[in-house]
Amino acid sequence: MHDPTTANAQGPDVGTQYRSAIFYHSDEQKSIAERVTSEVQEKHYKGRKIVTEIVPAGKFYDAETYHQEYLDKNPNGYECPTHFLRW
C-alpha cells in the first residue's frame, strides 16, 4: 500500500523514485490536488503529516512495452489491492 506520510520511501524501498507525488497540468488540477490532500490530511492522517509533493508534470515518457499492464501479465507478481476492473 502507498503511504503518503513517508518522504522518498515506500516500505523498504528508499529513494526519490519512491516519493509520494501528484503531478498536475493546470492550475485547476493543482488546486484540486491541494484541496483533496488537505481533506485527506484532516480526515485520515491526524497526527501524521502527508508529505505528498504537488508538482508540475514535466515531460512524460511511456515505459517500455514489457512494463505495460505488468500486473495482468504477472498475476503472481507485486500485490496491488486496487487492481481490478471498474465499470
C-alpha atoms as a PDB file:
ATOM      1  CA  MET A   1       0.000   0.000   0.000  1.00  0.00           C
ATOM      2  CA  HIS A   2       1.085   3.557  -0.682  1.00  0.00           C
ATOM      3  CA  ASP A   3       1.983   5.644   2.376  1.00  0.00           C
ATOM      4  CA  PRO A   4       1.705   9.402   1.726  1.00  0.00           C
ATOM      5  CA  THR A   5       3.418  10.168   5.046  1.00  0.00           C
ATOM      6  CA  THR A   6       6.861   8.811   4.169  1.00  0.00           C
ATOM      7  CA  ALA A   7       9.302  11.045   2.307  1.00  0.00           C
ATOM      8  CA  ASN A   8      11.177   9.360  -0.545  1.00  0.00           C
ATOM      9  CA  ALA A   9      10.286   5.856   0.601  1.00  0.00           C
ATOM     10  CA  GLN A  10       7.592   3.216   0.322  1.00  0.00           C
ATOM     11  CA  GLY A  11       8.070   0.281   2.651  1.00  0.00           C
ATOM     12  CA  PRO A  12      11.673  -0.933   2.418  1.00  0.00           C
ATOM     13  CA  ASP A  13      12.251   0.912  -0.871  1.00  0.00           C
ATOM     14  CA  VAL A  14      14.084   4.223  -0.477  1.00  0.00           C
ATOM     15  CA  GLY A  15      14.918   6.947  -2.990  1.00  0.00           C
ATOM     16  CA  THR A  16      13.247   9.813  -4.808  1.00  0.00           C
ATOM     17  CA  GLN A  17      11.708   7.357  -7.275  1.00  0.00           C
ATOM     18  CA  TYR A  18       9.540   6.143  -4.350  1.00  0.00           C
ATOM     19  CA  ARG A  19       8.329   9.581  -3.273  1.00  0.00           C
ATOM     20  CA  SER A  20       4.661  10.357  -2.947  1.00  0.00           C
ATOM     21  CA  ALA A  21       3.703  12.858  -5.649  1.00  0.00           C
ATOM     22  CA  ILE A  22       0.776  14.287  -7.557  1.00  0.00           C
ATOM     23  CA  PHE A  23       1.648  15.753 -10.956  1.00  0.00           C
ATOM     24  CA  TYR A  24      -0.605  18.450 -12.374  1.00  0.00           C
ATOM     25  CA  HIS A  25      -1.035  20.003 -15.833  1.00  0.00           C
ATOM     26  CA  SER A  26      -3.095  23.075 -14.939  1.00  0.00           C
ATOM     27  CA  ASP A  27      -3.762  25.486 -12.095  1.00  0.00           C
ATOM     28  CA  GLU A  28      -7.165  23.850 -11.673  1.00  0.00           C
ATOM     29  CA  GLN A  29      -5.574  20.406 -11.198  1.00  0.00           C
ATOM     30  CA  LYS A  30      -3.095  21.883  -8.721  1.00  0.00           C
ATOM     31  CA  SER A  31      -5.906  23.473  -6.745  1.00  0.00           C
ATOM     32  CA  ILE A  32      -7.872  20.212  -6.677  1.00  0.00           C
ATOM     33  CA  ALA A  33      -4.797  18.253  -5.558  1.00  0.00           C
ATOM     34  CA  GLU A  34      -4.118  20.737  -2.750  1.00  0.00           C
ATOM     35  CA  ARG A  35      -7.752  20.691  -1.606  1.00  0.00           C
ATOM     36  CA  VAL A  36      -8.063  16.895  -1.649  1.00  0.00           C
ATOM     37  CA  THR A  37      -4.713  16.439   0.101  1.00  0.00           C
ATOM     38  CA  SER A  38      -5.845  18.835   2.816  1.00  0.00           C
ATOM     39  CA  GLU A  39      -9.162  17.000   3.211  1.00  0.00           C
ATOM     40  CA  VAL A  40      -7.441  13.609   3.415  1.00  0.00           C
ATOM     41  CA  GLN A  41      -4.933  15.004   5.922  1.00  0.00           C
ATOM     42  CA  GLU A  42      -7.734  16.197   8.185  1.00  0.00           C
ATOM     43  CA  LYS A  43      -9.926  13.112   7.839  1.00  0.00           C
ATOM     44  CA  HIS A  44      -7.461  10.217   7.740  1.00  0.00           C
ATOM     45  CA  TYR A  45      -3.991  11.311   8.874  1.00  0.00           C
ATOM     46  CA  LYS A  46      -4.365  13.347  12.056  1.00  0.00           C
ATOM     47  CA  GLY A  47      -1.047  13.170  13.870  1.00  0.00           C
ATOM     48  CA  ARG A  48       0.912  12.110  10.764  1.00  0.00           C
ATOM     49  CA  LYS A  49       1.759  14.724   8.128  1.00  0.00           C
ATOM     50  CA  ILE A  50       1.102  13.932   4.475  1.00  0.00           C
ATOM     51  CA  VAL A  51       4.319  14.705   2.585  1.00  0.00           C
ATOM     52  CA  THR A  52       2.977  14.115  -0.926  1.00  0.00           C
ATOM     53  CA  GLU A  53       4.597  16.578  -3.322  1.00  0.00           C
ATOM     54  CA  ILE A  54       2.274  18.504  -5.648  1.00  0.00           C
ATOM     55  CA  VAL A  55       4.413  19.405  -8.634  1.00  0.00           C
ATOM     56  CA  PRO A  56       4.017  20.411 -12.285  1.00  0.00           C
ATOM     57  CA  ALA A  57       4.006  17.499 -14.703  1.00  0.00           C
ATOM     58  CA  GLY A  58       7.088  17.667 -16.864  1.00  0.00           C
ATOM     59  CA  LYS A  59       7.931  15.666 -19.941  1.00  0.00           C
ATOM     60  CA  PHE A  60       6.332  12.239 -19.710  1.00  0.00           C
ATOM     61  CA  TYR A  61       7.736   9.072 -21.213  1.00  0.00           C
ATOM     62  CA  ASP A  62       5.822   5.828 -21.598  1.00  0.00           C
ATOM     63  CA  ALA A  63       7.515   2.847 -20.011  1.00  0.00           C
ATOM     64  CA  GLU A  64       8.830   0.104 -22.258  1.00  0.00           C
ATOM     65  CA  THR A  65       6.210  -2.324 -23.590  1.00  0.00           C
ATOM     66  CA  TYR A  66       7.264  -5.101 -21.217  1.00  0.00           C
ATOM     67  CA  HIS A  67       6.367  -2.842 -18.272  1.00  0.00           C
ATOM     68  CA  GLN A  68       2.852  -2.117 -19.580  1.00  0.00           C
ATOM     69  CA  GLU A  69      -0.022  -3.990 -17.878  1.00  0.00           C
ATOM     70  CA  TYR A  70       2.532  -5.601 -15.562  1.00  0.00           C
ATOM     71  CA  LEU A  71       0.015  -6.975 -13.068  1.00  0.00           C
ATOM     72  CA  ASP A  72      -2.083  -8.521 -15.843  1.00  0.00           C
ATOM     73  CA  LYS A  73       0.988 -10.212 -17.301  1.00  0.00           C
ATOM     74  CA  ASN A  74       2.374 -11.223 -13.880  1.00  0.00           C
ATOM     75  CA  PRO A  75      -0.614 -12.119 -11.689  1.00  0.00           C
ATOM     76  CA  ASN A  76       1.671 -13.595  -9.024  1.00  0.00           C
ATOM     77  CA  GLY A  77       3.938 -10.542  -9.075  1.00  0.00           C
ATOM     78  CA  TYR A  78       3.519  -7.459  -6.960  1.00  0.00           C
ATOM     79  CA  GLU A  79       0.397  -7.233  -4.881  1.00  0.00           C
ATOM     80  CA  CYS A  80      -1.947  -4.385  -5.695  1.00  0.00           C
ATOM     81  CA  PRO A  81      -5.212  -4.318  -3.711  1.00  0.00           C
ATOM     82  CA  THR A  82      -6.810  -1.790  -6.072  1.00  0.00           C
ATOM     83  CA  HIS A  83      -6.004  -3.650  -9.296  1.00  0.00           C
ATOM     84  CA  PHE A  84      -9.381  -4.676 -10.607  1.00  0.00           C
ATOM     85  CA  LEU A  85     -11.664  -3.587 -13.400  1.00  0.00           C
ATOM     86  CA  ARG A  86     -14.259  -0.957 -12.546  1.00  0.00           C
ATOM     87  CA  TRP A  87     -17.262  -0.368 -14.744  1.00  0.00           C
END
